[in-house]
N, C-alpha and C. Protein backbone atom coordinates (compact mmCIF):
# COMPACT_ATOMS: atom_id res chain seq x y z
N UNK A 1 16.06 26.16 -29.36
CA UNK A 1 14.63 26.23 -28.91
C UNK A 1 14.53 25.52 -27.54
N UNK A 2 13.89 26.20 -26.60
CA UNK A 2 13.71 25.67 -25.24
C UNK A 2 12.78 24.48 -25.23
N UNK A 3 13.21 23.50 -24.40
CA UNK A 3 12.27 22.22 -24.26
C UNK A 3 10.99 22.68 -23.59
N UNK A 4 9.94 22.10 -24.08
CA UNK A 4 8.66 22.39 -23.53
C UNK A 4 8.31 21.39 -22.46
N UNK A 5 7.68 21.91 -21.40
CA UNK A 5 7.23 20.97 -20.28
C UNK A 5 6.22 19.97 -20.84
N UNK A 6 6.38 18.76 -20.35
CA UNK A 6 5.55 17.67 -20.76
C UNK A 6 4.21 17.78 -19.96
N UNK A 7 3.06 17.81 -20.59
CA UNK A 7 1.84 17.90 -19.89
C UNK A 7 1.44 16.59 -19.30
N UNK A 8 1.08 16.62 -17.97
CA UNK A 8 0.78 15.36 -17.24
C UNK A 8 -0.70 15.11 -17.48
N UNK A 9 -1.00 13.92 -17.75
CA UNK A 9 -2.41 13.51 -17.97
C UNK A 9 -2.78 12.32 -17.10
N UNK A 10 -4.05 12.29 -16.72
CA UNK A 10 -4.65 11.11 -16.03
C UNK A 10 -4.81 10.02 -16.95
N UNK A 11 -4.43 8.82 -16.61
CA UNK A 11 -4.55 7.66 -17.57
C UNK A 11 -6.06 7.35 -17.80
N UNK A 12 -6.30 7.06 -19.02
CA UNK A 12 -7.74 6.60 -19.39
C UNK A 12 -7.96 5.22 -18.85
N UNK A 13 -9.13 4.94 -18.45
CA UNK A 13 -9.50 3.63 -18.00
C UNK A 13 -9.07 2.56 -19.10
N UNK A 14 -8.39 1.45 -18.68
CA UNK A 14 -7.93 0.50 -19.64
C UNK A 14 -6.51 0.76 -20.18
N UNK A 15 -5.95 1.86 -19.83
CA UNK A 15 -4.60 2.18 -20.37
C UNK A 15 -3.49 1.29 -19.78
N UNK A 16 -3.67 0.95 -18.51
CA UNK A 16 -2.74 0.14 -17.83
C UNK A 16 -3.36 -0.91 -17.00
N UNK A 17 -3.67 -2.00 -17.70
CA UNK A 17 -4.51 -3.07 -17.07
C UNK A 17 -3.89 -3.68 -15.80
N UNK A 18 -2.53 -3.89 -15.80
CA UNK A 18 -1.85 -4.42 -14.58
C UNK A 18 -1.96 -3.42 -13.41
N UNK A 19 -1.85 -2.18 -13.67
CA UNK A 19 -1.98 -1.16 -12.61
C UNK A 19 -3.26 -1.13 -12.08
N UNK A 20 -4.32 -1.10 -12.94
CA UNK A 20 -5.73 -1.05 -12.47
C UNK A 20 -6.02 -2.32 -11.68
N UNK A 21 -5.58 -3.48 -12.18
CA UNK A 21 -5.84 -4.72 -11.47
C UNK A 21 -5.22 -4.71 -10.01
N UNK A 22 -4.02 -4.33 -10.03
CA UNK A 22 -3.34 -4.29 -8.63
C UNK A 22 -3.96 -3.22 -7.74
N UNK A 23 -4.31 -2.14 -8.27
CA UNK A 23 -5.10 -1.09 -7.45
C UNK A 23 -6.37 -1.64 -6.87
N UNK A 24 -7.10 -2.34 -7.63
CA UNK A 24 -8.39 -2.98 -7.11
C UNK A 24 -8.12 -4.10 -6.21
N UNK A 25 -7.32 -5.12 -6.71
CA UNK A 25 -7.28 -6.27 -5.99
C UNK A 25 -6.39 -6.19 -4.72
N UNK A 26 -5.37 -5.34 -4.62
CA UNK A 26 -4.61 -5.25 -3.49
C UNK A 26 -5.46 -4.71 -2.33
N UNK A 27 -6.24 -3.64 -2.57
CA UNK A 27 -7.06 -3.05 -1.50
C UNK A 27 -8.12 -4.05 -1.07
N UNK A 28 -8.71 -4.73 -2.04
CA UNK A 28 -9.76 -5.73 -1.67
C UNK A 28 -9.25 -6.84 -0.80
N UNK A 29 -8.02 -7.37 -1.20
CA UNK A 29 -7.46 -8.52 -0.49
C UNK A 29 -7.01 -7.98 0.94
N UNK A 30 -6.50 -6.85 1.13
CA UNK A 30 -6.09 -6.35 2.39
C UNK A 30 -7.24 -6.09 3.29
N UNK A 31 -8.35 -5.53 2.75
CA UNK A 31 -9.57 -5.29 3.61
C UNK A 31 -10.20 -6.57 3.96
N UNK A 32 -10.03 -7.61 3.17
CA UNK A 32 -10.68 -8.91 3.55
C UNK A 32 -9.74 -9.89 4.31
N UNK A 33 -8.52 -9.34 4.54
CA UNK A 33 -7.46 -10.12 5.27
C UNK A 33 -7.12 -11.40 4.46
N UNK A 34 -7.11 -11.35 3.15
CA UNK A 34 -6.88 -12.50 2.32
C UNK A 34 -5.38 -12.52 1.92
N UNK A 35 -4.58 -13.17 2.77
CA UNK A 35 -3.19 -13.16 2.66
C UNK A 35 -2.72 -13.83 1.34
N UNK A 36 -3.40 -14.87 0.94
CA UNK A 36 -2.98 -15.54 -0.32
C UNK A 36 -3.20 -14.62 -1.51
N UNK A 37 -4.31 -13.88 -1.52
CA UNK A 37 -4.57 -12.89 -2.62
C UNK A 37 -3.58 -11.82 -2.68
N UNK A 38 -3.23 -11.37 -1.48
CA UNK A 38 -2.30 -10.22 -1.41
C UNK A 38 -0.90 -10.72 -2.02
N UNK A 39 -0.39 -11.88 -1.48
CA UNK A 39 0.90 -12.39 -1.96
C UNK A 39 0.94 -12.63 -3.35
N UNK A 40 -0.11 -13.08 -3.99
CA UNK A 40 -0.23 -13.31 -5.41
C UNK A 40 0.15 -12.07 -6.25
N UNK A 41 -0.05 -10.93 -5.64
CA UNK A 41 0.22 -9.65 -6.37
C UNK A 41 1.68 -9.20 -6.34
N UNK A 42 2.44 -9.91 -5.47
CA UNK A 42 3.95 -9.56 -5.35
C UNK A 42 4.88 -10.50 -6.08
N UNK A 43 5.97 -9.90 -6.60
CA UNK A 43 6.98 -10.73 -7.19
C UNK A 43 7.64 -11.48 -6.10
N UNK A 44 8.26 -12.66 -6.39
CA UNK A 44 8.89 -13.48 -5.35
C UNK A 44 9.93 -12.80 -4.53
N UNK A 45 10.66 -11.86 -5.14
CA UNK A 45 11.70 -11.12 -4.46
C UNK A 45 11.34 -9.66 -4.14
N UNK A 46 10.03 -9.36 -4.04
CA UNK A 46 9.51 -8.01 -3.76
C UNK A 46 9.96 -7.52 -2.40
N UNK A 47 9.97 -6.21 -2.24
CA UNK A 47 10.24 -5.58 -0.94
C UNK A 47 9.07 -4.69 -0.63
N UNK A 48 8.78 -4.61 0.75
CA UNK A 48 7.80 -3.67 1.27
C UNK A 48 8.44 -2.88 2.40
N UNK A 49 8.40 -1.58 2.27
CA UNK A 49 8.96 -0.66 3.31
C UNK A 49 7.91 0.05 4.06
N UNK A 50 7.84 -0.02 5.37
CA UNK A 50 6.92 0.68 6.19
C UNK A 50 7.25 0.58 7.69
N UNK A 51 6.99 1.67 8.39
CA UNK A 51 7.22 1.60 9.89
C UNK A 51 6.49 0.39 10.51
N UNK A 52 5.40 0.09 9.88
CA UNK A 52 4.56 -1.00 10.48
C UNK A 52 5.31 -2.35 10.48
N UNK A 53 6.21 -2.54 9.51
CA UNK A 53 7.03 -3.74 9.54
C UNK A 53 7.70 -4.05 10.78
N UNK A 54 8.58 -3.00 11.17
CA UNK A 54 9.38 -3.16 12.43
C UNK A 54 8.43 -3.20 13.64
N UNK A 55 7.33 -2.52 13.67
CA UNK A 55 6.34 -2.53 14.79
C UNK A 55 5.76 -3.88 15.00
N UNK A 56 5.22 -4.47 13.91
CA UNK A 56 4.53 -5.79 14.02
C UNK A 56 5.43 -6.96 14.10
N UNK A 57 6.56 -6.86 13.44
CA UNK A 57 7.46 -8.02 13.39
C UNK A 57 8.60 -7.99 14.36
N UNK A 58 8.67 -6.81 15.16
CA UNK A 58 9.71 -6.73 16.14
C UNK A 58 11.15 -6.69 15.64
N UNK A 59 11.33 -6.07 14.44
CA UNK A 59 12.63 -6.00 13.83
C UNK A 59 13.16 -4.51 13.87
N UNK A 60 14.45 -4.35 13.78
CA UNK A 60 15.00 -3.02 13.56
C UNK A 60 14.69 -2.38 12.25
N UNK A 61 14.63 -3.30 11.09
CA UNK A 61 14.44 -2.84 9.83
C UNK A 61 12.92 -2.69 9.51
N UNK A 62 12.56 -1.70 8.79
CA UNK A 62 11.13 -1.53 8.37
C UNK A 62 10.87 -2.12 7.00
N UNK A 63 11.71 -3.13 6.66
CA UNK A 63 11.63 -3.67 5.23
C UNK A 63 11.40 -5.23 5.32
N UNK A 64 10.39 -5.62 4.57
CA UNK A 64 10.15 -7.11 4.24
C UNK A 64 10.78 -7.43 2.99
N UNK A 65 11.46 -8.59 2.90
CA UNK A 65 12.08 -8.96 1.60
C UNK A 65 11.54 -10.33 1.26
N UNK A 66 10.86 -10.46 0.11
CA UNK A 66 10.43 -11.71 -0.39
C UNK A 66 9.10 -12.13 0.25
N UNK A 67 8.44 -13.11 -0.46
CA UNK A 67 7.11 -13.45 -0.09
C UNK A 67 6.97 -14.08 1.33
N UNK A 68 8.00 -14.82 1.76
CA UNK A 68 7.93 -15.46 3.15
C UNK A 68 7.80 -14.37 4.19
N UNK A 69 8.62 -13.37 4.14
CA UNK A 69 8.48 -12.19 5.06
C UNK A 69 7.19 -11.47 4.89
N UNK A 70 6.77 -11.26 3.64
CA UNK A 70 5.52 -10.60 3.39
C UNK A 70 4.40 -11.44 4.00
N UNK A 71 4.38 -12.70 3.79
CA UNK A 71 3.39 -13.63 4.32
C UNK A 71 3.27 -13.43 5.91
N UNK A 72 4.34 -13.42 6.58
CA UNK A 72 4.31 -13.26 8.04
C UNK A 72 3.72 -11.89 8.35
N UNK A 73 4.14 -10.84 7.70
CA UNK A 73 3.59 -9.53 8.00
C UNK A 73 2.10 -9.45 7.81
N UNK A 74 1.56 -9.94 6.63
CA UNK A 74 0.18 -9.85 6.33
C UNK A 74 -0.68 -10.80 7.27
N UNK A 75 -0.10 -11.87 7.64
CA UNK A 75 -0.81 -12.73 8.65
C UNK A 75 -0.94 -12.05 9.98
N UNK A 76 0.12 -11.36 10.46
CA UNK A 76 0.09 -10.69 11.72
C UNK A 76 -0.89 -9.53 11.56
N UNK A 77 -0.81 -8.75 10.48
CA UNK A 77 -1.72 -7.59 10.30
C UNK A 77 -3.19 -8.01 10.27
N UNK A 78 -3.52 -9.15 9.63
CA UNK A 78 -4.89 -9.60 9.69
C UNK A 78 -5.53 -9.79 11.04
N UNK A 79 -4.72 -10.05 12.06
CA UNK A 79 -5.23 -10.20 13.45
C UNK A 79 -5.18 -8.98 14.24
N UNK A 80 -4.43 -7.91 13.82
CA UNK A 80 -4.24 -6.79 14.63
C UNK A 80 -4.61 -5.45 14.03
N UNK A 81 -5.34 -5.44 13.01
CA UNK A 81 -5.75 -4.17 12.36
C UNK A 81 -6.65 -3.35 13.24
N UNK A 82 -6.35 -2.11 13.55
CA UNK A 82 -7.23 -1.31 14.29
C UNK A 82 -8.54 -0.90 13.59
N UNK A 83 -9.58 -0.63 14.25
CA UNK A 83 -10.83 -0.25 13.61
C UNK A 83 -10.73 0.99 12.82
N UNK A 84 -9.80 1.90 13.18
CA UNK A 84 -9.68 3.19 12.44
C UNK A 84 -8.92 2.93 11.09
N UNK A 85 -8.43 1.74 10.86
CA UNK A 85 -7.81 1.36 9.60
C UNK A 85 -8.95 1.04 8.61
N UNK A 86 -9.23 1.98 7.74
CA UNK A 86 -10.31 1.86 6.72
C UNK A 86 -9.76 1.95 5.39
N UNK A 87 -10.56 2.01 4.33
CA UNK A 87 -10.10 1.81 2.99
C UNK A 87 -10.72 2.79 1.97
N UNK A 88 -10.95 4.05 2.46
CA UNK A 88 -11.46 5.05 1.56
C UNK A 88 -10.34 5.65 0.68
N UNK A 89 -10.52 5.65 -0.58
CA UNK A 89 -9.55 6.26 -1.54
C UNK A 89 -10.32 6.95 -2.68
N UNK A 90 -9.63 7.89 -3.44
CA UNK A 90 -10.32 8.53 -4.47
C UNK A 90 -9.70 8.33 -5.80
N UNK A 91 -8.69 7.47 -5.96
CA UNK A 91 -8.07 7.29 -7.22
C UNK A 91 -6.58 7.07 -7.09
N UNK A 92 -5.90 7.00 -8.27
CA UNK A 92 -4.54 6.77 -8.23
C UNK A 92 -3.79 7.57 -9.33
N UNK A 93 -2.47 7.74 -9.21
CA UNK A 93 -1.62 8.30 -10.24
C UNK A 93 -0.66 7.19 -10.70
N UNK A 94 -0.39 7.20 -12.00
CA UNK A 94 0.51 6.19 -12.59
C UNK A 94 1.24 6.83 -13.73
N UNK A 95 2.43 6.23 -14.04
CA UNK A 95 3.06 6.46 -15.31
C UNK A 95 3.20 5.09 -16.08
N UNK A 96 2.41 4.07 -15.58
CA UNK A 96 2.41 2.77 -16.18
C UNK A 96 3.37 1.80 -15.56
N UNK A 97 4.32 2.30 -14.72
CA UNK A 97 5.29 1.47 -13.98
C UNK A 97 5.21 1.67 -12.51
N UNK A 98 4.82 2.86 -12.08
CA UNK A 98 4.80 3.17 -10.67
C UNK A 98 3.29 3.67 -10.39
N UNK A 99 2.69 3.23 -9.31
CA UNK A 99 1.38 3.65 -8.96
C UNK A 99 1.42 4.25 -7.51
N UNK A 100 0.66 5.31 -7.33
CA UNK A 100 0.57 5.99 -6.05
C UNK A 100 -0.96 6.37 -5.76
N UNK A 101 -1.22 6.17 -4.51
CA UNK A 101 -2.56 6.65 -3.97
C UNK A 101 -2.51 6.99 -2.59
N UNK A 102 -3.59 7.72 -2.12
CA UNK A 102 -3.67 8.18 -0.76
C UNK A 102 -4.91 7.61 -0.14
N UNK A 103 -4.76 7.28 1.20
CA UNK A 103 -5.84 7.07 2.08
C UNK A 103 -5.92 8.36 3.01
N UNK A 104 -6.79 9.28 2.68
CA UNK A 104 -6.75 10.59 3.39
C UNK A 104 -7.34 10.34 4.74
N UNK A 105 -6.91 11.21 5.73
CA UNK A 105 -7.42 11.14 7.09
C UNK A 105 -8.91 11.45 7.09
N UNK A 106 -9.33 12.54 6.47
CA UNK A 106 -10.75 12.95 6.41
C UNK A 106 -11.40 12.29 5.27
N UNK A 107 -12.55 11.63 5.50
CA UNK A 107 -13.34 10.95 4.45
C UNK A 107 -14.72 11.61 4.45
N UNK A 108 -15.50 11.31 3.43
CA UNK A 108 -16.90 11.90 3.44
C UNK A 108 -17.74 11.41 4.64
N UNK A 109 -17.47 10.28 5.17
CA UNK A 109 -18.32 9.67 6.21
C UNK A 109 -17.69 9.72 7.60
N UNK A 110 -16.35 9.70 7.66
CA UNK A 110 -15.72 9.50 8.93
C UNK A 110 -14.23 9.95 8.84
N UNK A 111 -13.42 9.37 9.66
CA UNK A 111 -11.95 9.56 9.61
C UNK A 111 -11.28 8.23 9.52
N UNK A 112 -10.09 8.26 9.04
CA UNK A 112 -9.28 6.96 8.89
C UNK A 112 -7.87 7.28 9.01
N UNK A 113 -7.02 6.19 9.19
CA UNK A 113 -5.57 6.38 9.16
C UNK A 113 -5.18 6.95 7.84
N UNK A 114 -4.19 7.75 7.87
CA UNK A 114 -3.70 8.39 6.61
C UNK A 114 -2.39 7.80 6.15
N UNK A 115 -2.33 7.38 4.90
CA UNK A 115 -1.23 6.79 4.28
C UNK A 115 -1.12 7.21 2.85
N UNK A 116 0.13 7.07 2.27
CA UNK A 116 0.30 7.13 0.83
C UNK A 116 0.99 5.82 0.53
N UNK A 117 0.47 5.13 -0.47
CA UNK A 117 1.01 3.84 -0.99
C UNK A 117 1.72 4.11 -2.28
N UNK A 118 2.94 3.62 -2.53
CA UNK A 118 3.72 3.75 -3.69
C UNK A 118 4.16 2.36 -4.11
N UNK A 119 3.85 1.98 -5.27
CA UNK A 119 4.28 0.58 -5.77
C UNK A 119 4.95 0.73 -7.10
N UNK A 120 6.01 -0.05 -7.27
CA UNK A 120 6.66 -0.20 -8.53
C UNK A 120 6.28 -1.55 -9.12
N UNK A 121 5.76 -1.53 -10.35
CA UNK A 121 5.27 -2.73 -10.94
C UNK A 121 6.11 -3.26 -12.09
N UNK A 122 6.44 -4.45 -12.06
CA UNK A 122 7.21 -5.08 -13.15
C UNK A 122 6.62 -6.41 -13.54
N UNK A 123 6.40 -6.59 -14.76
CA UNK A 123 5.82 -7.93 -15.24
C UNK A 123 4.53 -8.26 -14.59
N UNK A 124 3.66 -7.26 -14.30
CA UNK A 124 2.36 -7.44 -13.77
C UNK A 124 2.30 -7.78 -12.25
N UNK A 125 3.48 -7.60 -11.56
CA UNK A 125 3.61 -7.86 -10.14
C UNK A 125 4.28 -6.67 -9.41
N UNK A 126 3.96 -6.57 -8.13
CA UNK A 126 4.61 -5.60 -7.27
C UNK A 126 5.99 -5.92 -6.98
N UNK A 127 6.91 -5.10 -7.34
CA UNK A 127 8.38 -5.32 -7.11
C UNK A 127 8.82 -4.63 -5.90
N UNK A 128 8.44 -3.33 -5.77
CA UNK A 128 8.75 -2.51 -4.55
C UNK A 128 7.50 -1.86 -4.09
N UNK A 129 7.36 -1.77 -2.80
CA UNK A 129 6.21 -1.18 -2.21
C UNK A 129 6.63 -0.38 -1.00
N UNK A 130 6.22 0.89 -0.96
CA UNK A 130 6.57 1.78 0.18
C UNK A 130 5.36 2.40 0.67
N UNK A 131 5.20 2.45 2.00
CA UNK A 131 4.02 3.07 2.66
C UNK A 131 4.53 4.23 3.47
N UNK A 132 3.93 5.39 3.15
CA UNK A 132 4.33 6.63 3.81
C UNK A 132 3.12 7.00 4.82
N UNK A 133 3.47 7.14 6.07
CA UNK A 133 2.41 7.42 7.04
C UNK A 133 2.20 8.87 7.33
N UNK A 134 0.93 9.28 7.40
CA UNK A 134 0.60 10.66 7.88
C UNK A 134 0.64 10.77 9.42
N UNK A 135 0.43 11.93 9.93
CA UNK A 135 0.44 12.20 11.38
C UNK A 135 -0.62 11.36 12.08
N UNK A 136 -1.78 11.34 11.61
CA UNK A 136 -2.81 10.59 12.33
C UNK A 136 -2.46 9.15 12.40
N UNK A 137 -2.03 8.54 11.31
CA UNK A 137 -1.67 7.12 11.24
C UNK A 137 -0.51 6.84 12.13
N UNK A 138 0.48 7.76 12.10
CA UNK A 138 1.70 7.52 12.90
C UNK A 138 1.30 7.53 14.34
N UNK A 139 0.40 8.39 14.76
CA UNK A 139 0.00 8.39 16.22
C UNK A 139 -0.79 7.14 16.61
N UNK A 140 -1.48 6.45 15.64
CA UNK A 140 -2.13 5.21 15.92
C UNK A 140 -1.02 4.18 16.24
N UNK A 141 0.04 4.24 15.43
CA UNK A 141 1.15 3.27 15.60
C UNK A 141 1.88 3.67 16.88
N UNK A 142 2.23 4.94 17.16
CA UNK A 142 2.95 5.36 18.36
C UNK A 142 2.21 4.91 19.64
N UNK A 143 0.86 5.02 19.52
CA UNK A 143 -0.03 4.66 20.75
C UNK A 143 -0.27 3.13 20.84
N UNK A 144 0.36 2.38 19.91
CA UNK A 144 0.30 0.90 19.98
C UNK A 144 -1.12 0.43 19.80
N UNK A 145 -1.84 0.96 18.87
CA UNK A 145 -3.25 0.50 18.67
C UNK A 145 -3.31 -0.75 17.77
N UNK A 146 -2.13 -1.23 17.29
CA UNK A 146 -2.06 -2.54 16.62
C UNK A 146 -1.73 -3.64 17.69
N UNK A 147 -2.59 -3.75 18.67
CA UNK A 147 -2.45 -4.70 19.65
C UNK A 147 -3.07 -6.09 19.31
N UNK A 148 -2.61 -7.13 20.04
CA UNK A 148 -3.19 -8.38 19.81
C UNK A 148 -4.54 -8.56 20.40
């Protein structure tokens, strides 16, 4: 008998409390430049991968490892975020261990930098975080709009 495809479902509210908490609190902390609140969401040995890491920190690698490196990144980001960096989102996808969401370029009111965020959650904390940039956001980075 052939295996049947598993039907994908959107999680019901309350199904994944750690995922929902991180989705809300991470975005709120970043939009308020609250470095302490952002760091509290990451595991001590967490990694974050993004082209922004090498751009802002002047490194070859686009990876931050551990809270100390993450702290430096988020402190720099708080002082250099361009105005086009906004926080419109429409929801997330999860399997209970990984969460993904998009900041689309076009929003109902304006435009913003386009990203996809992917986080792997273990024991209620972000263990791995990857940020994928869309073309609009990449051009903001390429044109060095993250200036001091």
